PDB file of N, CA and C in Angstrom:
ATOM      1  N   MET A   1     -22.708 -25.733 -20.836  1.00  0.00           N
ATOM      2  CA  MET A   1     -21.481 -26.421 -20.579  1.00  0.00           C
ATOM      3  C   MET A   1     -21.059 -25.841 -19.193  1.00  0.00           C
ATOM      4  N   ARG A   2     -20.491 -26.798 -18.381  1.00  0.00           N
ATOM      5  CA  ARG A   2     -19.836 -26.328 -17.040  1.00  0.00           C
ATOM      6  C   ARG A   2     -18.427 -26.568 -17.150  1.00  0.00           C
ATOM      7  N   ALA A   3     -17.691 -25.278 -17.005  1.00  0.00           N
ATOM      8  CA  ALA A   3     -16.117 -25.327 -16.988  1.00  0.00           C
ATOM      9  C   ALA A   3     -15.488 -26.027 -15.871  1.00  0.00           C
ATOM     10  N   ASN A   4     -14.481 -26.940 -16.166  1.00  0.00           N
ATOM     11  CA  ASN A   4     -13.769 -27.713 -15.155  1.00  0.00           C
ATOM     12  C   ASN A   4     -12.371 -27.893 -15.408  1.00  0.00           C
ATOM     13  N   TRP A   5     -11.526 -27.652 -14.607  1.00  0.00           N
ATOM     14  CA  TRP A   5      -9.978 -27.794 -14.783  1.00  0.00           C
ATOM     15  C   TRP A   5      -9.743 -29.011 -15.580  1.00  0.00           C
ATOM     16  N   LYS A   6     -10.220 -30.184 -15.145  1.00  0.00           N
ATOM     17  CA  LYS A   6      -9.783 -31.453 -15.738  1.00  0.00           C
ATOM     18  C   LYS A   6      -9.965 -31.371 -17.217  1.00  0.00           C
ATOM     19  N   GLN A   7     -11.150 -30.781 -17.542  1.00  0.00           N
ATOM     20  CA  GLN A   7     -11.210 -30.876 -19.097  1.00  0.00           C
ATOM     21  C   GLN A   7     -10.399 -29.849 -19.731  1.00  0.00           C
ATOM     22  N   TRP A   8     -10.118 -28.665 -19.136  1.00  0.00           N
ATOM     23  CA  TRP A   8      -9.339 -27.568 -19.599  1.00  0.00           C
ATOM     24  C   TRP A   8      -7.926 -28.091 -19.886  1.00  0.00           C
ATOM     25  N   PHE A   9      -7.225 -28.809 -18.887  1.00  0.00           N
ATOM     26  CA  PHE A   9      -5.964 -29.301 -18.929  1.00  0.00           C
ATOM     27  C   PHE A   9      -5.915 -30.415 -19.908  1.00  0.00           C
ATOM     28  N   ALA A  10      -7.044 -31.145 -20.113  1.00  0.00           N
ATOM     29  CA  ALA A  10      -7.026 -32.241 -21.278  1.00  0.00           C
ATOM     30  C   ALA A  10      -7.072 -31.461 -22.727  1.00  0.00           C
ATOM     31  N   LEU A  11      -7.780 -30.500 -22.687  1.00  0.00           N
ATOM     32  CA  LEU A  11      -7.762 -29.810 -23.987  1.00  0.00           C
ATOM     33  C   LEU A  11      -6.587 -29.142 -24.363  1.00  0.00           C
ATOM     34  N   ALA A  12      -5.744 -28.525 -23.103  1.00  0.00           N
ATOM     35  CA  ALA A  12      -4.554 -28.008 -23.287  1.00  0.00           C
ATOM     36  C   ALA A  12      -3.322 -28.978 -23.481  1.00  0.00           C
ATOM     37  N   GLY A  13      -3.703 -30.335 -23.418  1.00  0.00           N
ATOM     38  CA  GLY A  13      -2.666 -31.213 -23.695  1.00  0.00           C
ATOM     39  C   GLY A  13      -1.791 -31.401 -22.523  1.00  0.00           C
ATOM     40  N   VAL A  14      -2.135 -30.959 -21.255  1.00  0.00           N
ATOM     41  CA  VAL A  14      -1.304 -31.254 -19.954  1.00  0.00           C
ATOM     42  C   VAL A  14      -1.910 -32.397 -19.238  1.00  0.00           C
ATOM     43  N   ASP A  15      -1.070 -33.178 -18.966  1.00  0.00           N
ATOM     44  CA  ASP A  15      -1.265 -34.496 -18.112  1.00  0.00           C
ATOM     45  C   ASP A  15      -1.067 -34.085 -16.669  1.00  0.00           C
ATOM     46  N   ILE A  16      -2.115 -33.933 -15.894  1.00  0.00           N
ATOM     47  CA  ILE A  16      -2.073 -33.377 -14.457  1.00  0.00           C
ATOM     48  C   ILE A  16      -3.105 -34.161 -13.587  1.00  0.00           C
ATOM     49  N   LEU A  17      -2.591 -34.522 -12.577  1.00  0.00           N
ATOM     50  CA  LEU A  17      -3.387 -35.408 -11.538  1.00  0.00           C
ATOM     51  C   LEU A  17      -4.190 -34.364 -10.716  1.00  0.00           C
ATOM     52  N   ARG A  18      -5.423 -34.557 -10.261  1.00  0.00           N
ATOM     53  CA  ARG A  18      -6.219 -33.948  -9.471  1.00  0.00           C
ATOM     54  C   ARG A  18      -5.449 -33.556  -8.046  1.00  0.00           C
ATOM     55  N   SER A  19      -5.298 -32.384  -7.830  1.00  0.00           N
ATOM     56  CA  SER A  19      -4.612 -31.919  -6.431  1.00  0.00           C
ATOM     57  C   SER A  19      -5.613 -31.577  -5.334  1.00  0.00           C
ATOM     58  N   SER A  20      -5.356 -31.906  -4.178  1.00  0.00           N
ATOM     59  CA  SER A  20      -6.126 -31.543  -3.197  1.00  0.00           C
ATOM     60  C   SER A  20      -5.818 -29.951  -2.472  1.00  0.00           C
ATOM     61  N   ARG A  21      -4.713 -29.755  -3.020  1.00  0.00           N
ATOM     62  CA  ARG A  21      -4.093 -28.350  -2.580  1.00  0.00           C
ATOM     63  C   ARG A  21      -5.059 -27.075  -2.971  1.00  0.00           C
ATOM     64  N   GLY A  22      -5.058 -26.137  -2.116  1.00  0.00           N
ATOM     65  CA  GLY A  22      -5.865 -24.973  -2.452  1.00  0.00           C
ATOM     66  C   GLY A  22      -7.270 -25.097  -2.144  1.00  0.00           C
ATOM     67  N   PRO A  23      -7.978 -23.948  -2.391  1.00  0.00           N
ATOM     68  CA  PRO A  23      -9.362 -23.954  -1.964  1.00  0.00           C
ATOM     69  C   PRO A  23     -10.301 -24.543  -3.055  1.00  0.00           C
ATOM     70  N   ALA A  24     -11.456 -24.994  -2.743  1.00  0.00           N
ATOM     71  CA  ALA A  24     -12.410 -25.271  -3.619  1.00  0.00           C
ATOM     72  C   ALA A  24     -13.740 -24.774  -3.387  1.00  0.00           C
ATOM     73  N   TYR A  25     -14.502 -24.273  -4.361  1.00  0.00           N
ATOM     74  CA  TYR A  25     -15.757 -23.560  -3.999  1.00  0.00           C
ATOM     75  C   TYR A  25     -16.806 -24.297  -4.723  1.00  0.00           C
ATOM     76  N   GLY A  26     -18.095 -24.292  -3.969  1.00  0.00           N
ATOM     77  CA  GLY A  26     -19.169 -24.844  -4.591  1.00  0.00           C
ATOM     78  C   GLY A  26     -19.882 -24.063  -5.599  1.00  0.00           C
ATOM     79  N   HIS A  27     -19.722 -22.839  -5.686  1.00  0.00           N
ATOM     80  CA  HIS A  27     -20.342 -21.942  -6.606  1.00  0.00           C
ATOM     81  C   HIS A  27     -19.213 -21.094  -7.403  1.00  0.00           C
ATOM     82  N   GLY A  28     -19.388 -21.034  -8.678  1.00  0.00           N
ATOM     83  CA  GLY A  28     -18.517 -20.362  -9.605  1.00  0.00           C
ATOM     84  C   GLY A  28     -18.324 -19.071  -9.252  1.00  0.00           C
ATOM     85  N   SER A  29     -19.340 -18.234  -8.635  1.00  0.00           N
ATOM     86  CA  SER A  29     -19.192 -16.936  -8.205  1.00  0.00           C
ATOM     87  C   SER A  29     -18.302 -16.759  -7.037  1.00  0.00           C
ATOM     88  N   MET A  30     -18.217 -17.700  -6.190  1.00  0.00           N
ATOM     89  CA  MET A  30     -17.119 -17.636  -5.074  1.00  0.00           C
ATOM     90  C   MET A  30     -15.640 -17.804  -5.588  1.00  0.00           C
ATOM     91  N   ALA A  31     -15.638 -18.575  -6.571  1.00  0.00           N
ATOM     92  CA  ALA A  31     -14.275 -18.851  -7.128  1.00  0.00           C
ATOM     93  C   ALA A  31     -13.764 -17.415  -7.770  1.00  0.00           C
ATOM     94  N   VAL A  32     -14.755 -16.825  -8.492  1.00  0.00           N
ATOM     95  CA  VAL A  32     -14.488 -15.607  -9.470  1.00  0.00           C
ATOM     96  C   VAL A  32     -14.026 -14.556  -8.369  1.00  0.00           C
ATOM     97  N   GLU A  33     -14.812 -14.388  -7.144  1.00  0.00           N
ATOM     98  CA  GLU A  33     -14.655 -13.474  -6.260  1.00  0.00           C
ATOM     99  C   GLU A  33     -13.124 -13.764  -5.725  1.00  0.00           C
ATOM    100  N   ALA A  34     -12.782 -14.759  -5.456  1.00  0.00           N
ATOM    101  CA  ALA A  34     -11.451 -15.200  -4.888  1.00  0.00           C
ATOM    102  C   ALA A  34     -10.281 -14.663  -5.805  1.00  0.00           C
ATOM    103  N   ALA A  35     -10.693 -14.949  -7.077  1.00  0.00           N
ATOM    104  CA  ALA A  35      -9.641 -14.474  -8.173  1.00  0.00           C
ATOM    105  C   ALA A  35      -9.499 -12.866  -8.206  1.00  0.00           C
ATOM    106  N   ILE A  36     -10.629 -12.452  -8.173  1.00  0.00           N
ATOM    107  CA  ILE A  36     -10.608 -10.708  -8.017  1.00  0.00           C
ATOM    108  C   ILE A  36      -9.812 -10.338  -6.792  1.00  0.00           C
ATOM    109  N   ARG A  37      -9.944 -10.880  -5.741  1.00  0.00           N
ATOM    110  CA  ARG A  37      -9.083 -10.535  -4.609  1.00  0.00           C
ATOM    111  C   ARG A  37      -7.625 -10.813  -4.622  1.00  0.00           C
ATOM    112  N   GLY A  38      -7.260 -11.649  -5.879  1.00  0.00           N
ATOM    113  CA  GLY A  38      -5.973 -11.884  -6.041  1.00  0.00           C
ATOM    114  C   GLY A  38      -5.372 -13.125  -5.558  1.00  0.00           C
ATOM    115  N   GLU A  39      -6.417 -13.990  -5.233  1.00  0.00           N
ATOM    116  CA  GLU A  39      -5.906 -15.339  -4.372  1.00  0.00           C
ATOM    117  C   GLU A  39      -5.682 -16.585  -5.349  1.00  0.00           C
ATOM    118  N   GLY A  40      -5.676 -16.167  -6.591  1.00  0.00           N
ATOM    119  CA  GLY A  40      -5.422 -17.280  -7.635  1.00  0.00           C
ATOM    120  C   GLY A  40      -6.166 -17.046  -8.857  1.00  0.00           C
ATOM    121  N   VAL A  41      -6.428 -18.159  -9.561  1.00  0.00           N
ATOM    122  CA  VAL A  41      -7.202 -18.021 -10.892  1.00  0.00           C
ATOM    123  C   VAL A  41      -8.458 -19.019 -10.741  1.00  0.00           C
ATOM    124  N   ALA A  42      -9.492 -18.431 -11.512  1.00  0.00           N
ATOM    125  CA  ALA A  42     -10.726 -19.175 -11.656  1.00  0.00           C
ATOM    126  C   ALA A  42     -11.046 -19.587 -13.139  1.00  0.00           C
ATOM    127  N   LEU A  43     -11.383 -20.659 -13.389  1.00  0.00           N
ATOM    128  CA  LEU A  43     -11.822 -21.079 -14.661  1.00  0.00           C
ATOM    129  C   LEU A  43     -13.417 -20.864 -14.745  1.00  0.00           C
ATOM    130  N   GLY A  44     -13.764 -20.072 -15.784  1.00  0.00           N
ATOM    131  CA  GLY A  44     -15.173 -19.650 -16.036  1.00  0.00           C
ATOM    132  C   GLY A  44     -15.264 -19.073 -17.437  1.00  0.00           C
ATOM    133  N   TYR A  45     -16.238 -18.284 -17.530  1.00  0.00           N
ATOM    134  CA  TYR A  45     -16.505 -17.779 -18.946  1.00  0.00           C
ATOM    135  C   TYR A  45     -16.063 -16.248 -19.128  1.00  0.00           C
ATOM    136  N   ASP A  46     -15.592 -15.691 -18.145  1.00  0.00           N
ATOM    137  CA  ASP A  46     -15.239 -14.377 -18.208  1.00  0.00           C
ATOM    138  C   ASP A  46     -13.826 -14.172 -17.742  1.00  0.00           C
ATOM    139  N   LEU A  47     -13.113 -13.289 -18.440  1.00  0.00           N
ATOM    140  CA  LEU A  47     -11.838 -12.869 -17.747  1.00  0.00           C
ATOM    141  C   LEU A  47     -12.094 -11.668 -16.880  1.00  0.00           C
ATOM    142  N   VAL A  48     -11.654 -11.698 -15.762  1.00  0.00           N
ATOM    143  CA  VAL A  48     -11.980 -10.840 -14.643  1.00  0.00           C
ATOM    144  C   VAL A  48     -10.620 -10.533 -14.134  1.00  0.00           C
ATOM    145  N   TYR A  49     -10.447  -9.047 -13.950  1.00  0.00           N
ATOM    146  CA  TYR A  49      -9.257  -8.599 -13.223  1.00  0.00           C
ATOM    147  C   TYR A  49      -9.688  -7.264 -12.638  1.00  0.00           C
ATOM    148  N   ARG A  50      -8.602  -6.822 -11.840  1.00  0.00           N
ATOM    149  CA  ARG A  50      -8.813  -5.669 -11.007  1.00  0.00           C
ATOM    150  C   ARG A  50      -8.933  -4.413 -12.013  1.00  0.00           C
ATOM    151  N   ALA A  51      -9.921  -3.482 -11.359  1.00  0.00           N
ATOM    152  CA  ALA A  51     -10.268  -2.243 -12.218  1.00  0.00           C
ATOM    153  C   ALA A  51      -8.997  -1.461 -12.366  1.00  0.00           C
ATOM    154  N   GLY A  52      -8.658  -1.163 -13.708  1.00  0.00           N
ATOM    155  CA  GLY A  52      -7.466  -0.180 -13.872  1.00  0.00           C
ATOM    156  C   GLY A  52      -6.355  -1.188 -14.370  1.00  0.00           C
ATOM    157  N   ASN A  53      -6.459  -2.500 -14.392  1.00  0.00           N
ATOM    158  CA  ASN A  53      -5.516  -3.302 -14.953  1.00  0.00           C
ATOM    159  C   ASN A  53      -5.578  -3.694 -16.333  1.00  0.00           C
ATOM    160  N   GLU A  54      -6.579  -3.169 -16.942  1.00  0.00           N
ATOM    161  CA  GLU A  54      -6.989  -3.894 -18.429  1.00  0.00           C
ATOM    162  C   GLU A  54      -5.594  -3.619 -19.465  1.00  0.00           C
ATOM    163  N   ARG A  55      -4.780  -2.784 -19.142  1.00  0.00           N
ATOM    164  CA  ARG A  55      -3.695  -2.514 -20.032  1.00  0.00           C
ATOM    165  C   ARG A  55      -2.350  -3.235 -19.260  1.00  0.00           C
ATOM    166  N   HIS A  56      -2.523  -3.744 -18.138  1.00  0.00           N
ATOM    167  CA  HIS A  56      -1.396  -4.437 -17.648  1.00  0.00           C
ATOM    168  C   HIS A  56      -0.740  -5.486 -18.534  1.00  0.00           C
ATOM    169  N   PRO A  57       0.637  -5.565 -18.823  1.00  0.00           N
ATOM    170  CA  PRO A  57       1.048  -6.581 -19.657  1.00  0.00           C
ATOM    171  C   PRO A  57       0.689  -7.907 -19.476  1.00  0.00           C
ATOM    172  N   LYS A  58       0.634  -8.303 -18.312  1.00  0.00           N
ATOM    173  CA  LYS A  58       0.084  -9.825 -18.112  1.00  0.00           C
ATOM    174  C   LYS A  58      -1.154  -9.924 -18.432  1.00  0.00           C
ATOM    175  N   VAL A  59      -2.149  -9.209 -18.114  1.00  0.00           N
ATOM    176  CA  VAL A  59      -3.536  -9.162 -18.496  1.00  0.00           C
ATOM    177  C   VAL A  59      -3.586  -9.241 -20.036  1.00  0.00           C
ATOM    178  N   CYS A  60      -2.831  -8.242 -20.815  1.00  0.00           N
ATOM    179  CA  CYS A  60      -2.926  -8.226 -22.093  1.00  0.00           C
ATOM    180  C   CYS A  60      -2.475  -9.541 -22.872  1.00  0.00           C
ATOM    181  N   VAL A  61      -1.385 -10.149 -22.139  1.00  0.00           N
ATOM    182  CA  VAL A  61      -0.838 -11.515 -22.733  1.00  0.00           C
ATOM    183  C   VAL A  61      -1.926 -12.714 -22.659  1.00  0.00           C
ATOM    184  N   LEU A  62      -2.516 -12.672 -21.331  1.00  0.00           N
ATOM    185  CA  LEU A  62      -3.309 -13.779 -21.066  1.00  0.00           C
ATOM    186  C   LEU A  62      -4.646 -13.511 -21.981  1.00  0.00           C
ATOM    187  N   ARG A  63      -5.313 -12.280 -22.086  1.00  0.00           N
ATOM    188  CA  ARG A  63      -6.319 -12.103 -22.909  1.00  0.00           C
ATOM    189  C   ARG A  63      -6.007 -12.572 -24.357  1.00  0.00           C
ATOM    190  N   GLU A  64      -4.813 -12.268 -24.903  1.00  0.00           N
ATOM    191  CA  GLU A  64      -4.734 -12.449 -26.257  1.00  0.00           C
ATOM    192  C   GLU A  64      -4.397 -14.139 -26.420  1.00  0.00           C
ATOM    193  N   TRP A  65      -3.769 -14.544 -25.574  1.00  0.00           N
ATOM    194  CA  TRP A  65      -3.626 -15.967 -25.590  1.00  0.00           C
ATOM    195  C   TRP A  65      -5.016 -16.807 -25.605  1.00  0.00           C
ATOM    196  N   LEU A  66      -5.878 -16.325 -24.679  1.00  0.00           N
ATOM    197  CA  LEU A  66      -7.235 -16.970 -24.553  1.00  0.00           C
ATOM    198  C   LEU A  66      -8.077 -16.818 -25.831  1.00  0.00           C
ATOM    199  N   ALA A  67      -7.808 -15.671 -26.474  1.00  0.00           N
ATOM    200  CA  ALA A  67      -8.610 -15.446 -27.646  1.00  0.00           C
ATOM    201  C   ALA A  67      -8.115 -16.413 -28.764  1.00  0.00           C
ATOM    202  N   ASP A  68      -6.658 -16.288 -28.836  1.00  0.00           N
ATOM    203  CA  ASP A  68      -6.183 -17.210 -29.864  1.00  0.00           C
ATOM    204  C   ASP A  68      -6.591 -18.776 -29.537  1.00  0.00           C
ATOM    205  N   GLU A  69      -6.603 -19.163 -28.419  1.00  0.00           N
ATOM    206  CA  GLU A  69      -6.991 -20.545 -28.099  1.00  0.00           C
ATOM    207  C   GLU A  69      -8.252 -20.692 -28.383  1.00  0.00           C
ATOM    208  N   ILE A  70      -9.333 -19.859 -28.381  1.00  0.00           N
ATOM    209  CA  ILE A  70     -10.758 -19.950 -28.473  1.00  0.00           C
ATOM    210  C   ILE A  70     -10.846 -20.152 -29.880  1.00  0.00           C
ATOM    211  N   ARG A  71     -10.215 -19.018 -30.847  1.00  0.00           N
ATOM    212  CA  ARG A  71     -10.264 -19.170 -32.345  1.00  0.00           C
ATOM    213  C   ARG A  71      -9.834 -20.422 -32.874  1.00  0.00           C
ATOM    214  N   MET A  72      -8.810 -20.937 -32.344  1.00  0.00           N
ATOM    215  CA  MET A  72      -8.306 -22.347 -32.729  1.00  0.00           C
ATOM    216  C   MET A  72      -9.291 -23.458 -32.392  1.00  0.00           C
ATOM    217  N   LEU A  73      -9.910 -23.461 -31.188  1.00  0.00           N
ATOM    218  CA  LEU A  73     -10.928 -24.368 -30.872  1.00  0.00           C
ATOM    219  C   LEU A  73     -12.098 -24.374 -31.691  1.00  0.00           C
ATOM    220  N   PHE A  74     -12.568 -23.214 -31.973  1.00  0.00           N
ATOM    221  CA  PHE A  74     -13.782 -23.101 -32.888  1.00  0.00           C
ATOM    222  C   PHE A  74     -13.484 -23.503 -34.300  1.00  0.00           C
ATOM    223  N   ALA A  75     -12.251 -23.081 -34.829  1.00  0.00           N
ATOM    224  CA  ALA A  75     -11.808 -23.331 -36.283  1.00  0.00           C
ATOM    225  C   ALA A  75     -11.662 -25.008 -36.312  1.00  0.00           C
ATOM    226  N   GLY A  76     -11.251 -25.569 -35.271  1.00  0.00           N
ATOM    227  CA  GLY A  76     -11.118 -27.096 -35.239  1.00  0.00           C
ATOM    228  C   GLY A  76     -12.653 -27.742 -35.249  1.00  0.00           C
ATOM    229  N   ASN A  77     -13.658 -27.149 -34.962  1.00  0.00           N
ATOM    230  CA  ASN A  77     -14.876 -27.801 -35.029  1.00  0.00           C
ATOM    231  C   ASN A  77     -15.777 -27.394 -36.081  1.00  0.00           C
ATOM    232  N   GLN A  78     -15.289 -26.794 -36.963  1.00  0.00           N
ATOM    233  CA  GLN A  78     -16.079 -26.461 -38.221  1.00  0.00           C
ATOM    234  C   GLN A  78     -16.085 -27.402 -39.225  1.00  0.00           C
TER     235      GLN A  78
END
């Protein structure tokens, strides 16, 4: 399955129009590299953050929120 923002927003219940603002990348690895550099966020299969930030409050909150969302998604598909 290929990750995409339109599907992510739909599953999150957010009605948003496609925006032409910001960069777009042809390869997921390029988007992940940009996110690692702190240029924004990338939708993919891994949570990636700068080395040493694993205990940063923002990283912890995002990681726990993602885990909760994934648990609820899979619980609804059983």
